N, C-alpha and C. Protein backbone atom coordinates (compact mmCIF):
# COMPACT_ATOMS: atom_id res chain seq x y z
N MET A 1 20.17 -10.03 5.47
CA MET A 1 18.95 -9.39 5.00
C MET A 1 19.25 -8.00 4.44
N LEU A 2 18.72 -7.69 3.29
CA LEU A 2 18.88 -6.35 2.70
C LEU A 2 17.92 -5.39 3.35
N VAL A 3 18.20 -4.12 3.24
CA VAL A 3 17.33 -3.10 3.78
C VAL A 3 17.03 -2.07 2.72
N MET A 4 16.00 -1.28 2.99
CA MET A 4 15.70 -0.17 2.11
C MET A 4 16.78 0.89 2.27
N THR A 5 17.05 1.61 1.20
CA THR A 5 18.09 2.62 1.27
C THR A 5 17.66 3.88 2.08
N ILE A 6 16.36 4.06 2.17
CA ILE A 6 15.80 5.15 2.94
C ILE A 6 14.71 4.58 3.84
N SER A 7 14.68 4.97 5.09
CA SER A 7 13.74 4.36 6.02
C SER A 7 12.31 4.76 5.69
N GLN A 8 11.39 3.86 6.04
CA GLN A 8 9.97 4.17 5.79
C GLN A 8 9.53 5.34 6.61
N SER A 9 10.08 5.49 7.81
CA SER A 9 9.69 6.65 8.66
C SER A 9 10.11 7.95 7.98
N ARG A 10 11.27 7.95 7.29
CA ARG A 10 11.70 9.14 6.55
C ARG A 10 10.75 9.43 5.41
N LEU A 11 10.36 8.39 4.66
CA LEU A 11 9.39 8.55 3.60
C LEU A 11 8.05 9.05 4.11
N ASP A 12 7.62 8.53 5.26
CA ASP A 12 6.35 8.96 5.86
C ASP A 12 6.35 10.48 6.09
N ALA A 13 7.51 10.98 6.52
CA ALA A 13 7.62 12.42 6.80
C ALA A 13 7.55 13.24 5.53
N LEU A 14 7.95 12.66 4.40
CA LEU A 14 7.95 13.40 3.15
C LEU A 14 6.59 13.32 2.46
N TRP A 15 5.82 12.28 2.77
CA TRP A 15 4.57 12.04 2.06
C TRP A 15 3.35 12.68 2.78
N ASP A 16 2.47 13.26 1.98
CA ASP A 16 1.11 13.61 2.40
C ASP A 16 0.21 13.23 1.24
N PHE A 17 -0.46 12.08 1.34
CA PHE A 17 -1.20 11.53 0.22
C PHE A 17 -2.39 12.42 -0.15
N SER A 18 -2.77 13.31 0.72
CA SER A 18 -3.85 14.24 0.36
C SER A 18 -3.32 15.44 -0.45
N ASP A 19 -1.98 15.54 -0.55
CA ASP A 19 -1.34 16.63 -1.27
C ASP A 19 -0.18 16.07 -2.07
N PRO A 20 -0.48 15.36 -3.18
CA PRO A 20 0.63 14.75 -3.96
C PRO A 20 1.58 15.77 -4.59
N ALA A 21 1.05 16.96 -4.90
CA ALA A 21 1.93 17.98 -5.50
C ALA A 21 2.95 18.48 -4.46
N GLY A 22 2.49 18.72 -3.26
CA GLY A 22 3.40 19.11 -2.19
C GLY A 22 4.38 17.99 -1.86
N SER A 23 3.91 16.77 -1.86
CA SER A 23 4.77 15.63 -1.63
C SER A 23 5.84 15.54 -2.71
N GLU A 24 5.46 15.77 -3.94
CA GLU A 24 6.44 15.75 -5.03
C GLU A 24 7.59 16.70 -4.76
N LEU A 25 7.24 17.91 -4.33
CA LEU A 25 8.28 18.90 -4.08
C LEU A 25 9.21 18.48 -2.98
N ARG A 26 8.66 17.94 -1.86
CA ARG A 26 9.49 17.48 -0.75
C ARG A 26 10.37 16.31 -1.19
N LEU A 27 9.81 15.38 -1.95
CA LEU A 27 10.58 14.22 -2.40
C LEU A 27 11.71 14.66 -3.33
N ARG A 28 11.44 15.60 -4.22
CA ARG A 28 12.48 16.06 -5.13
C ARG A 28 13.60 16.78 -4.33
N ALA A 29 13.21 17.53 -3.31
CA ALA A 29 14.21 18.22 -2.47
C ALA A 29 15.09 17.18 -1.74
N ALA A 30 14.47 16.14 -1.20
CA ALA A 30 15.21 15.10 -0.52
C ALA A 30 16.12 14.36 -1.47
N ARG A 31 15.62 14.17 -2.71
CA ARG A 31 16.40 13.49 -3.71
C ARG A 31 17.67 14.28 -4.04
N ALA A 32 17.53 15.59 -4.09
CA ALA A 32 18.68 16.45 -4.42
C ALA A 32 19.76 16.38 -3.34
N GLU A 33 19.40 16.01 -2.12
CA GLU A 33 20.35 15.94 -1.00
C GLU A 33 20.78 14.53 -0.68
N ALA A 34 20.26 13.53 -1.43
CA ALA A 34 20.54 12.13 -1.14
C ALA A 34 22.02 11.82 -1.32
N PRO A 35 22.58 10.95 -0.48
CA PRO A 35 24.03 10.72 -0.46
C PRO A 35 24.55 9.71 -1.50
N ASP A 36 23.66 8.92 -2.15
CA ASP A 36 24.15 7.91 -3.04
C ASP A 36 23.10 7.59 -4.11
N ASP A 37 23.53 6.86 -5.13
CA ASP A 37 22.67 6.57 -6.27
C ASP A 37 21.45 5.77 -5.89
N ALA A 38 21.64 4.78 -5.02
CA ALA A 38 20.50 3.91 -4.65
C ALA A 38 19.43 4.72 -3.91
N THR A 39 19.84 5.58 -3.01
CA THR A 39 18.87 6.42 -2.31
C THR A 39 18.16 7.35 -3.26
N ARG A 40 18.93 7.95 -4.19
CA ARG A 40 18.29 8.82 -5.18
C ARG A 40 17.27 8.05 -6.03
N ALA A 41 17.63 6.85 -6.40
CA ALA A 41 16.72 6.03 -7.22
C ALA A 41 15.45 5.67 -6.46
N GLU A 42 15.59 5.31 -5.18
CA GLU A 42 14.41 4.99 -4.39
C GLU A 42 13.50 6.19 -4.24
N LEU A 43 14.10 7.35 -4.04
CA LEU A 43 13.31 8.59 -3.95
C LEU A 43 12.66 8.90 -5.28
N ASP A 44 13.33 8.64 -6.39
CA ASP A 44 12.75 8.84 -7.71
C ASP A 44 11.47 8.02 -7.89
N THR A 45 11.46 6.80 -7.35
CA THR A 45 10.23 6.01 -7.47
C THR A 45 9.08 6.64 -6.74
N GLN A 46 9.40 7.35 -5.66
CA GLN A 46 8.34 8.01 -4.91
C GLN A 46 7.87 9.29 -5.59
N VAL A 47 8.82 9.96 -6.23
CA VAL A 47 8.43 11.12 -7.09
C VAL A 47 7.47 10.64 -8.16
N ALA A 48 7.79 9.51 -8.81
CA ALA A 48 6.92 8.95 -9.80
C ALA A 48 5.54 8.63 -9.24
N ARG A 49 5.51 8.10 -8.03
CA ARG A 49 4.21 7.82 -7.39
C ARG A 49 3.41 9.11 -7.21
N ALA A 50 4.08 10.17 -6.76
CA ALA A 50 3.41 11.45 -6.56
C ALA A 50 2.90 11.99 -7.90
N LEU A 51 3.67 11.82 -8.97
CA LEU A 51 3.23 12.25 -10.30
C LEU A 51 2.00 11.48 -10.73
N GLY A 52 2.00 10.16 -10.46
CA GLY A 52 0.86 9.33 -10.81
C GLY A 52 -0.41 9.75 -10.08
N LEU A 53 -0.26 10.11 -8.83
CA LEU A 53 -1.43 10.56 -8.05
C LEU A 53 -1.98 11.89 -8.59
N GLN A 54 -1.15 12.61 -9.33
CA GLN A 54 -1.61 13.84 -9.96
C GLN A 54 -2.14 13.56 -11.41
N GLY A 55 -2.17 12.30 -11.81
CA GLY A 55 -2.62 11.96 -13.16
C GLY A 55 -1.57 12.22 -14.22
N ARG A 56 -0.32 12.42 -13.83
CA ARG A 56 0.74 12.71 -14.78
C ARG A 56 1.49 11.42 -15.10
N PHE A 57 0.76 10.48 -15.72
CA PHE A 57 1.25 9.11 -15.89
C PHE A 57 2.45 9.04 -16.80
N ALA A 58 2.44 9.77 -17.91
CA ALA A 58 3.54 9.73 -18.86
C ALA A 58 4.84 10.25 -18.21
N GLU A 59 4.75 11.31 -17.42
CA GLU A 59 5.93 11.84 -16.75
C GLU A 59 6.45 10.82 -15.74
N ALA A 60 5.54 10.17 -15.04
CA ALA A 60 5.96 9.19 -14.03
C ALA A 60 6.67 8.03 -14.69
N ASP A 61 6.12 7.52 -15.79
CA ASP A 61 6.74 6.42 -16.51
C ASP A 61 8.12 6.80 -17.03
N ALA A 62 8.21 8.03 -17.57
CA ALA A 62 9.50 8.48 -18.13
C ALA A 62 10.56 8.59 -17.02
N LEU A 63 10.15 9.01 -15.83
CA LEU A 63 11.12 9.09 -14.74
C LEU A 63 11.60 7.70 -14.33
N ILE A 64 10.67 6.74 -14.23
CA ILE A 64 11.06 5.38 -13.89
C ILE A 64 11.98 4.80 -14.95
N ASP A 65 11.71 5.14 -16.23
CA ASP A 65 12.55 4.63 -17.32
C ASP A 65 14.03 5.00 -17.13
N THR A 66 14.29 6.13 -16.47
CA THR A 66 15.65 6.58 -16.30
C THR A 66 16.41 5.73 -15.31
N LEU A 67 15.71 4.92 -14.52
CA LEU A 67 16.33 4.17 -13.44
C LEU A 67 16.95 2.87 -13.91
N GLY A 68 16.61 2.43 -15.11
CA GLY A 68 17.24 1.23 -15.67
C GLY A 68 16.93 -0.02 -14.87
N ALA A 69 17.92 -0.88 -14.80
CA ALA A 69 17.79 -2.17 -14.09
C ALA A 69 18.68 -2.11 -12.83
N PRO A 70 18.15 -1.70 -11.70
CA PRO A 70 18.98 -1.47 -10.49
C PRO A 70 19.47 -2.77 -9.88
N ASP A 71 20.61 -2.67 -9.17
CA ASP A 71 21.19 -3.78 -8.45
C ASP A 71 20.53 -3.93 -7.08
N HIS A 72 20.03 -2.86 -6.52
CA HIS A 72 19.52 -2.88 -5.15
C HIS A 72 18.08 -3.39 -5.15
N ALA A 73 17.79 -4.37 -4.30
CA ALA A 73 16.45 -5.03 -4.30
C ALA A 73 15.35 -4.06 -3.93
N ALA A 74 15.58 -3.15 -2.99
CA ALA A 74 14.52 -2.23 -2.61
C ALA A 74 14.15 -1.33 -3.77
N VAL A 75 15.13 -0.89 -4.55
CA VAL A 75 14.85 -0.03 -5.70
C VAL A 75 14.10 -0.85 -6.77
N ALA A 76 14.53 -2.07 -7.03
CA ALA A 76 13.87 -2.91 -8.00
C ALA A 76 12.41 -3.18 -7.62
N ALA A 77 12.19 -3.47 -6.34
CA ALA A 77 10.82 -3.73 -5.87
C ALA A 77 9.95 -2.50 -6.00
N ARG A 78 10.51 -1.33 -5.68
CA ARG A 78 9.71 -0.12 -5.78
C ARG A 78 9.45 0.27 -7.22
N ILE A 79 10.36 0.00 -8.11
CA ILE A 79 10.11 0.28 -9.53
C ILE A 79 8.90 -0.54 -10.02
N ALA A 80 8.90 -1.83 -9.72
CA ALA A 80 7.77 -2.66 -10.12
C ALA A 80 6.47 -2.24 -9.44
N LEU A 81 6.56 -1.90 -8.17
CA LEU A 81 5.38 -1.43 -7.45
C LEU A 81 4.80 -0.16 -8.08
N GLU A 82 5.63 0.83 -8.33
CA GLU A 82 5.14 2.10 -8.83
C GLU A 82 4.67 1.97 -10.29
N ARG A 83 5.34 1.19 -11.08
CA ARG A 83 4.82 0.94 -12.40
C ARG A 83 3.46 0.25 -12.35
N GLY A 84 3.32 -0.67 -11.40
CA GLY A 84 2.05 -1.36 -11.21
C GLY A 84 0.94 -0.40 -10.78
N ARG A 85 1.26 0.51 -9.88
CA ARG A 85 0.24 1.47 -9.42
C ARG A 85 -0.16 2.36 -10.62
N LEU A 86 0.82 2.76 -11.42
CA LEU A 86 0.50 3.57 -12.59
C LEU A 86 -0.43 2.84 -13.54
N ARG A 87 -0.13 1.55 -13.78
CA ARG A 87 -1.02 0.78 -14.69
C ARG A 87 -2.38 0.59 -14.11
N ASN A 88 -2.45 0.33 -12.80
CA ASN A 88 -3.77 0.13 -12.17
C ASN A 88 -4.60 1.40 -12.22
N SER A 89 -3.98 2.53 -11.90
CA SER A 89 -4.69 3.80 -11.93
C SER A 89 -5.06 4.19 -13.38
N GLY A 90 -4.24 3.74 -14.34
CA GLY A 90 -4.51 4.05 -15.73
C GLY A 90 -5.48 3.12 -16.39
N GLY A 91 -6.04 2.15 -15.63
CA GLY A 91 -7.08 1.28 -16.19
C GLY A 91 -6.57 0.00 -16.83
N ASP A 92 -5.37 -0.44 -16.47
CA ASP A 92 -4.83 -1.67 -17.03
C ASP A 92 -4.50 -2.63 -15.90
N PRO A 93 -5.51 -3.21 -15.23
CA PRO A 93 -5.21 -4.08 -14.09
C PRO A 93 -4.44 -5.35 -14.43
N VAL A 94 -4.56 -5.84 -15.65
CA VAL A 94 -3.81 -7.03 -16.02
C VAL A 94 -2.30 -6.78 -15.95
N ALA A 95 -1.87 -5.67 -16.56
CA ALA A 95 -0.45 -5.32 -16.49
C ALA A 95 -0.05 -5.00 -15.05
N ALA A 96 -0.94 -4.40 -14.29
CA ALA A 96 -0.64 -4.04 -12.92
C ALA A 96 -0.40 -5.31 -12.11
N VAL A 97 -1.26 -6.30 -12.26
CA VAL A 97 -1.09 -7.55 -11.51
C VAL A 97 0.25 -8.20 -11.77
N SER A 98 0.66 -8.24 -13.04
CA SER A 98 1.95 -8.80 -13.37
C SER A 98 3.08 -8.06 -12.67
N LEU A 99 3.02 -6.73 -12.64
CA LEU A 99 4.05 -5.95 -11.99
C LEU A 99 4.04 -6.13 -10.47
N PHE A 100 2.86 -6.23 -9.90
CA PHE A 100 2.78 -6.46 -8.46
C PHE A 100 3.36 -7.81 -8.06
N HIS A 101 3.11 -8.82 -8.93
CA HIS A 101 3.75 -10.12 -8.69
C HIS A 101 5.25 -10.01 -8.69
N SER A 102 5.78 -9.25 -9.63
CA SER A 102 7.22 -9.08 -9.70
C SER A 102 7.76 -8.37 -8.45
N ALA A 103 7.08 -7.32 -8.05
CA ALA A 103 7.49 -6.58 -6.86
C ALA A 103 7.47 -7.48 -5.64
N ALA A 104 6.41 -8.29 -5.51
CA ALA A 104 6.30 -9.18 -4.35
C ALA A 104 7.43 -10.18 -4.32
N ALA A 105 7.77 -10.74 -5.49
CA ALA A 105 8.83 -11.75 -5.57
C ALA A 105 10.20 -11.16 -5.20
N VAL A 106 10.49 -9.97 -5.71
CA VAL A 106 11.77 -9.36 -5.42
C VAL A 106 11.86 -9.02 -3.93
N ALA A 107 10.80 -8.46 -3.36
CA ALA A 107 10.83 -8.05 -1.95
C ALA A 107 10.89 -9.27 -1.05
N ALA A 108 10.17 -10.33 -1.39
CA ALA A 108 10.19 -11.55 -0.55
C ALA A 108 11.56 -12.17 -0.57
N SER A 109 12.19 -12.20 -1.74
CA SER A 109 13.52 -12.80 -1.87
C SER A 109 14.54 -12.07 -1.03
N ALA A 110 14.39 -10.76 -0.94
CA ALA A 110 15.32 -9.94 -0.15
C ALA A 110 14.88 -9.73 1.28
N ARG A 111 13.76 -10.35 1.65
CA ARG A 111 13.18 -10.24 2.99
C ARG A 111 12.86 -8.79 3.35
N LEU A 112 12.38 -8.06 2.39
CA LEU A 112 11.89 -6.68 2.59
C LEU A 112 10.42 -6.75 2.87
N THR A 113 10.06 -7.03 4.12
CA THR A 113 8.67 -7.36 4.44
C THR A 113 7.73 -6.19 4.17
N PHE A 114 8.15 -4.99 4.45
CA PHE A 114 7.27 -3.83 4.20
C PHE A 114 6.86 -3.80 2.74
N LEU A 115 7.80 -3.92 1.83
CA LEU A 115 7.53 -3.84 0.41
C LEU A 115 6.82 -5.08 -0.09
N HIS A 116 7.13 -6.23 0.49
CA HIS A 116 6.44 -7.46 0.17
C HIS A 116 4.95 -7.33 0.42
N VAL A 117 4.62 -6.83 1.63
CA VAL A 117 3.23 -6.67 1.98
C VAL A 117 2.54 -5.59 1.15
N ASP A 118 3.29 -4.52 0.84
CA ASP A 118 2.74 -3.46 -0.02
C ASP A 118 2.33 -4.06 -1.35
N ALA A 119 3.18 -4.90 -1.93
CA ALA A 119 2.88 -5.48 -3.23
C ALA A 119 1.67 -6.41 -3.17
N ILE A 120 1.60 -7.24 -2.09
CA ILE A 120 0.47 -8.15 -1.96
C ILE A 120 -0.84 -7.36 -1.72
N HIS A 121 -0.73 -6.29 -0.93
CA HIS A 121 -1.92 -5.48 -0.70
C HIS A 121 -2.42 -4.84 -2.03
N MET A 122 -1.49 -4.48 -2.90
CA MET A 122 -1.90 -3.98 -4.21
C MET A 122 -2.50 -5.08 -5.08
N LEU A 123 -2.01 -6.30 -4.93
CA LEU A 123 -2.61 -7.40 -5.68
C LEU A 123 -4.07 -7.59 -5.24
N ALA A 124 -4.32 -7.43 -3.98
CA ALA A 124 -5.72 -7.59 -3.49
C ALA A 124 -6.64 -6.52 -4.08
N ILE A 125 -6.07 -5.35 -4.41
CA ILE A 125 -6.86 -4.27 -5.02
C ILE A 125 -7.03 -4.50 -6.52
N ALA A 126 -5.93 -4.88 -7.19
CA ALA A 126 -5.95 -5.03 -8.66
C ALA A 126 -6.58 -6.33 -9.11
N ASP A 127 -6.59 -7.32 -8.23
CA ASP A 127 -7.11 -8.65 -8.53
C ASP A 127 -8.22 -9.00 -7.56
N PRO A 128 -9.36 -8.26 -7.61
CA PRO A 128 -10.39 -8.35 -6.57
C PRO A 128 -11.00 -9.76 -6.42
N GLU A 129 -10.99 -10.56 -7.46
CA GLU A 129 -11.57 -11.90 -7.35
C GLU A 129 -10.77 -12.76 -6.38
N ARG A 130 -9.52 -12.42 -6.18
CA ARG A 130 -8.67 -13.17 -5.25
C ARG A 130 -8.29 -12.32 -4.05
N ALA A 131 -9.07 -11.27 -3.76
CA ALA A 131 -8.70 -10.34 -2.70
C ALA A 131 -8.54 -11.01 -1.34
N GLU A 132 -9.43 -11.91 -1.02
CA GLU A 132 -9.35 -12.57 0.28
C GLU A 132 -8.09 -13.42 0.37
N GLU A 133 -7.72 -14.08 -0.71
CA GLU A 133 -6.51 -14.90 -0.73
C GLU A 133 -5.27 -14.02 -0.53
N TRP A 134 -5.26 -12.90 -1.28
CA TRP A 134 -4.08 -12.04 -1.17
C TRP A 134 -3.99 -11.41 0.22
N THR A 135 -5.12 -11.02 0.79
CA THR A 135 -5.09 -10.46 2.14
C THR A 135 -4.55 -11.46 3.14
N SER A 136 -4.99 -12.72 3.02
CA SER A 136 -4.50 -13.76 3.93
C SER A 136 -2.98 -13.95 3.78
N GLU A 137 -2.51 -13.89 2.55
CA GLU A 137 -1.07 -14.03 2.32
C GLU A 137 -0.31 -12.88 2.96
N ALA A 138 -0.82 -11.68 2.82
CA ALA A 138 -0.16 -10.52 3.42
C ALA A 138 -0.12 -10.62 4.95
N LEU A 139 -1.20 -11.08 5.55
CA LEU A 139 -1.22 -11.22 7.01
C LEU A 139 -0.26 -12.29 7.47
N ARG A 140 -0.08 -13.35 6.67
CA ARG A 140 0.90 -14.38 7.02
C ARG A 140 2.31 -13.77 6.99
N ALA A 141 2.58 -12.92 6.00
CA ALA A 141 3.90 -12.26 5.92
C ALA A 141 4.13 -11.38 7.13
N LEU A 142 3.12 -10.70 7.58
CA LEU A 142 3.27 -9.82 8.74
C LEU A 142 3.56 -10.58 10.01
N ALA A 143 3.12 -11.83 10.08
CA ALA A 143 3.36 -12.64 11.27
C ALA A 143 4.84 -12.89 11.50
N GLU A 144 5.68 -12.61 10.50
CA GLU A 144 7.11 -12.86 10.61
C GLU A 144 7.92 -11.64 10.97
N THR A 145 7.25 -10.54 11.29
CA THR A 145 7.97 -9.32 11.62
C THR A 145 7.52 -8.76 12.97
N ALA A 146 8.43 -8.03 13.63
CA ALA A 146 8.10 -7.32 14.87
C ALA A 146 8.22 -5.84 14.68
N ASP A 147 8.53 -5.38 13.47
CA ASP A 147 8.68 -3.96 13.18
C ASP A 147 7.32 -3.26 13.22
N GLU A 148 7.19 -2.29 14.08
CA GLU A 148 5.87 -1.66 14.30
C GLU A 148 5.38 -0.90 13.08
N ARG A 149 6.28 -0.28 12.34
CA ARG A 149 5.85 0.44 11.14
C ARG A 149 5.34 -0.53 10.10
N THR A 150 5.97 -1.67 9.99
CA THR A 150 5.50 -2.68 9.05
C THR A 150 4.19 -3.29 9.55
N LEU A 151 4.05 -3.50 10.83
CA LEU A 151 2.82 -4.04 11.36
C LEU A 151 1.60 -3.12 11.14
N ARG A 152 1.86 -1.86 10.90
CA ARG A 152 0.77 -0.94 10.59
C ARG A 152 -0.04 -1.36 9.37
N TRP A 153 0.57 -2.19 8.51
CA TRP A 153 -0.18 -2.70 7.36
C TRP A 153 -1.44 -3.42 7.76
N HIS A 154 -1.51 -3.93 8.98
CA HIS A 154 -2.75 -4.57 9.42
C HIS A 154 -3.95 -3.66 9.26
N VAL A 155 -3.75 -2.38 9.50
CA VAL A 155 -4.87 -1.44 9.39
C VAL A 155 -5.46 -1.42 7.96
N ALA A 156 -4.63 -1.22 6.97
CA ALA A 156 -5.11 -1.15 5.61
C ALA A 156 -5.63 -2.49 5.13
N LEU A 157 -4.97 -3.56 5.51
CA LEU A 157 -5.40 -4.88 5.03
C LEU A 157 -6.77 -5.24 5.54
N HIS A 158 -7.01 -5.03 6.83
CA HIS A 158 -8.32 -5.34 7.40
C HIS A 158 -9.38 -4.35 6.91
N ASN A 159 -8.99 -3.11 6.72
CA ASN A 159 -9.98 -2.12 6.24
C ASN A 159 -10.37 -2.47 4.80
N ASN A 160 -9.41 -2.77 3.97
CA ASN A 160 -9.71 -3.13 2.56
C ASN A 160 -10.57 -4.39 2.50
N ALA A 161 -10.23 -5.38 3.33
CA ALA A 161 -11.02 -6.62 3.36
C ALA A 161 -12.45 -6.31 3.82
N GLY A 162 -12.58 -5.45 4.81
CA GLY A 162 -13.93 -5.07 5.27
C GLY A 162 -14.76 -4.40 4.20
N SER A 163 -14.11 -3.53 3.43
CA SER A 163 -14.79 -2.82 2.37
C SER A 163 -15.34 -3.77 1.29
N VAL A 164 -14.52 -4.76 0.94
CA VAL A 164 -14.92 -5.78 -0.05
C VAL A 164 -16.12 -6.56 0.45
N LEU A 165 -16.05 -6.96 1.72
CA LEU A 165 -17.14 -7.74 2.31
C LEU A 165 -18.42 -6.89 2.45
N LEU A 166 -18.25 -5.64 2.79
CA LEU A 166 -19.39 -4.75 2.94
C LEU A 166 -20.11 -4.60 1.59
N ASP A 167 -19.33 -4.39 0.54
CA ASP A 167 -19.90 -4.25 -0.82
C ASP A 167 -20.60 -5.53 -1.26
N ALA A 168 -20.14 -6.66 -0.72
CA ALA A 168 -20.74 -7.96 -1.10
C ALA A 168 -21.92 -8.30 -0.22
N GLY A 169 -22.27 -7.45 0.72
CA GLY A 169 -23.42 -7.71 1.58
C GLY A 169 -23.11 -8.71 2.67
N ARG A 170 -21.84 -8.98 2.92
CA ARG A 170 -21.43 -9.93 3.98
C ARG A 170 -21.13 -9.12 5.25
N PHE A 171 -22.22 -8.61 5.86
CA PHE A 171 -22.09 -7.58 6.88
C PHE A 171 -21.41 -8.06 8.16
N THR A 172 -21.73 -9.26 8.62
CA THR A 172 -21.11 -9.74 9.84
C THR A 172 -19.59 -9.90 9.70
N GLU A 173 -19.17 -10.45 8.58
CA GLU A 173 -17.76 -10.59 8.30
C GLU A 173 -17.09 -9.23 8.14
N ALA A 174 -17.82 -8.27 7.51
CA ALA A 174 -17.25 -6.95 7.33
C ALA A 174 -17.03 -6.29 8.70
N VAL A 175 -18.01 -6.42 9.58
CA VAL A 175 -17.86 -5.83 10.92
C VAL A 175 -16.63 -6.41 11.62
N HIS A 176 -16.43 -7.73 11.48
CA HIS A 176 -15.23 -8.34 12.09
C HIS A 176 -13.94 -7.75 11.56
N GLU A 177 -13.91 -7.56 10.24
CA GLU A 177 -12.68 -6.99 9.64
C GLU A 177 -12.45 -5.56 10.10
N PHE A 178 -13.52 -4.78 10.17
CA PHE A 178 -13.38 -3.38 10.59
C PHE A 178 -13.01 -3.30 12.08
N GLU A 179 -13.50 -4.24 12.87
CA GLU A 179 -13.06 -4.29 14.28
C GLU A 179 -11.56 -4.58 14.38
N SER A 180 -11.09 -5.51 13.52
CA SER A 180 -9.67 -5.80 13.48
C SER A 180 -8.86 -4.60 13.01
N ALA A 181 -9.40 -3.85 12.04
CA ALA A 181 -8.71 -2.66 11.57
C ALA A 181 -8.63 -1.60 12.67
N LYS A 182 -9.70 -1.46 13.42
CA LYS A 182 -9.69 -0.47 14.53
C LYS A 182 -8.68 -0.89 15.60
N ASP A 183 -8.65 -2.17 15.93
CA ASP A 183 -7.69 -2.63 16.93
C ASP A 183 -6.27 -2.39 16.46
N ALA A 184 -6.00 -2.68 15.16
CA ALA A 184 -4.67 -2.49 14.62
C ALA A 184 -4.31 -0.98 14.59
N ALA A 185 -5.30 -0.14 14.26
CA ALA A 185 -5.04 1.31 14.26
C ALA A 185 -4.65 1.79 15.66
N ARG A 186 -5.31 1.28 16.65
CA ARG A 186 -4.98 1.70 18.03
C ARG A 186 -3.59 1.21 18.44
N ARG A 187 -3.19 0.02 17.93
CA ARG A 187 -1.89 -0.53 18.33
C ARG A 187 -0.73 0.04 17.55
N TRP A 188 -0.93 0.24 16.24
CA TRP A 188 0.22 0.60 15.39
C TRP A 188 -0.03 1.79 14.49
N GLY A 189 -1.26 2.28 14.42
CA GLY A 189 -1.60 3.29 13.43
C GLY A 189 -1.46 4.71 13.89
N THR A 190 -1.88 5.61 13.05
CA THR A 190 -1.86 7.02 13.36
C THR A 190 -3.20 7.43 13.98
N PRO A 191 -3.25 8.60 14.61
CA PRO A 191 -4.54 9.06 15.15
C PRO A 191 -5.62 9.16 14.06
N GLN A 192 -5.22 9.60 12.86
CA GLN A 192 -6.19 9.71 11.76
C GLN A 192 -6.69 8.34 11.37
N GLN A 193 -5.86 7.35 11.38
CA GLN A 193 -6.30 6.00 11.04
C GLN A 193 -7.31 5.49 12.07
N VAL A 194 -7.11 5.83 13.33
CA VAL A 194 -8.09 5.43 14.35
C VAL A 194 -9.43 6.04 14.07
N VAL A 195 -9.45 7.31 13.70
CA VAL A 195 -10.73 7.97 13.36
C VAL A 195 -11.39 7.31 12.17
N TRP A 196 -10.62 7.06 11.11
CA TRP A 196 -11.18 6.42 9.91
C TRP A 196 -11.70 5.03 10.22
N ALA A 197 -10.94 4.26 11.02
CA ALA A 197 -11.34 2.92 11.36
C ALA A 197 -12.66 2.95 12.16
N ASP A 198 -12.79 3.87 13.04
CA ASP A 198 -14.03 4.02 13.85
C ASP A 198 -15.19 4.36 12.95
N GLU A 199 -15.01 5.24 11.99
CA GLU A 199 -16.03 5.63 11.06
C GLU A 199 -16.49 4.42 10.20
N ALA A 200 -15.50 3.69 9.71
CA ALA A 200 -15.81 2.50 8.87
C ALA A 200 -16.55 1.47 9.65
N LEU A 201 -16.16 1.24 10.90
CA LEU A 201 -16.82 0.27 11.74
C LEU A 201 -18.29 0.68 12.02
N SER A 202 -18.49 1.96 12.28
CA SER A 202 -19.86 2.44 12.51
C SER A 202 -20.72 2.24 11.26
N GLU A 203 -20.17 2.48 10.08
CA GLU A 203 -20.92 2.31 8.84
C GLU A 203 -21.29 0.83 8.67
N ALA A 204 -20.33 -0.05 8.93
CA ALA A 204 -20.60 -1.48 8.76
C ALA A 204 -21.65 -1.98 9.74
N ARG A 205 -21.57 -1.49 11.00
CA ARG A 205 -22.54 -1.92 11.98
C ARG A 205 -23.95 -1.41 11.63
N ALA A 206 -24.00 -0.20 11.08
CA ALA A 206 -25.31 0.34 10.64
C ALA A 206 -25.90 -0.50 9.51
N ALA A 207 -25.02 -0.91 8.57
CA ALA A 207 -25.50 -1.75 7.46
C ALA A 207 -25.96 -3.11 7.98
N GLN A 208 -25.24 -3.65 8.94
CA GLN A 208 -25.58 -4.91 9.54
C GLN A 208 -26.95 -4.82 10.26
N ASP A 209 -27.17 -3.74 11.01
CA ASP A 209 -28.43 -3.53 11.72
C ASP A 209 -29.56 -3.40 10.73
N ALA A 210 -29.33 -2.66 9.64
CA ALA A 210 -30.39 -2.45 8.64
C ALA A 210 -30.75 -3.77 7.97
N ALA A 211 -29.74 -4.61 7.71
CA ALA A 211 -30.01 -5.92 7.07
C ALA A 211 -30.79 -6.82 8.01
N ARG A 212 -30.44 -6.79 9.28
CA ARG A 212 -31.19 -7.60 10.26
C ARG A 212 -32.65 -7.14 10.38
N ALA A 213 -32.81 -5.82 10.36
CA ALA A 213 -34.17 -5.26 10.50
C ALA A 213 -35.04 -5.64 9.32
N SER A 214 -34.45 -5.71 8.13
CA SER A 214 -35.23 -6.04 6.96
C SER A 214 -35.64 -7.50 6.90
N GLU A 215 -34.95 -8.32 7.70
CA GLU A 215 -35.26 -9.75 7.74
C GLU A 215 -36.40 -10.08 8.72
N ARG A 216 -36.75 -9.14 9.56
CA ARG A 216 -37.77 -9.39 10.57
C ARG A 216 -39.17 -9.42 9.96
């Protein structure tokens, strides 16, 4: 089984998604100290992600262009993932879906479960008509791992599924998904994820109560 060149826990320490500019600086500093080309390339994909979150799409694409066709599966999967995120954020979901498919295939072939689930979770966002199908596929992939950091994906997957169901007026199903997200946050998530999951569950239960009241 192949592995990522840099651990997800290390990337977690470098990332603050509420501050992409600060994350960019930390990622670039880590990149400057990286011991090998593969690690530098994987960090470059994360710099590109930080640039994309700042709306600097052309810079992000140009950076990814410099990485060429890598031999390492983790780098190849991240290149497709980050190009896909750039396309999705830039308003081209069709191109994004194709890239997410590519990322999922590369990651699955190399048994990189974290990246495989990341790609499928992005497919559920970029291809909303098949969101339930993609979420089910991601949950099946998670059933094959015992890694707690990877299992944290349960939080996002159930939360995203709950949001789709809530928007569709399927309140009982939404509550079930948010309950699963809260349980996952308590088992594998961060304290902030527990707070967010509790807030989402409260919102869904309020919507469910309001719908029931209107039917009386």
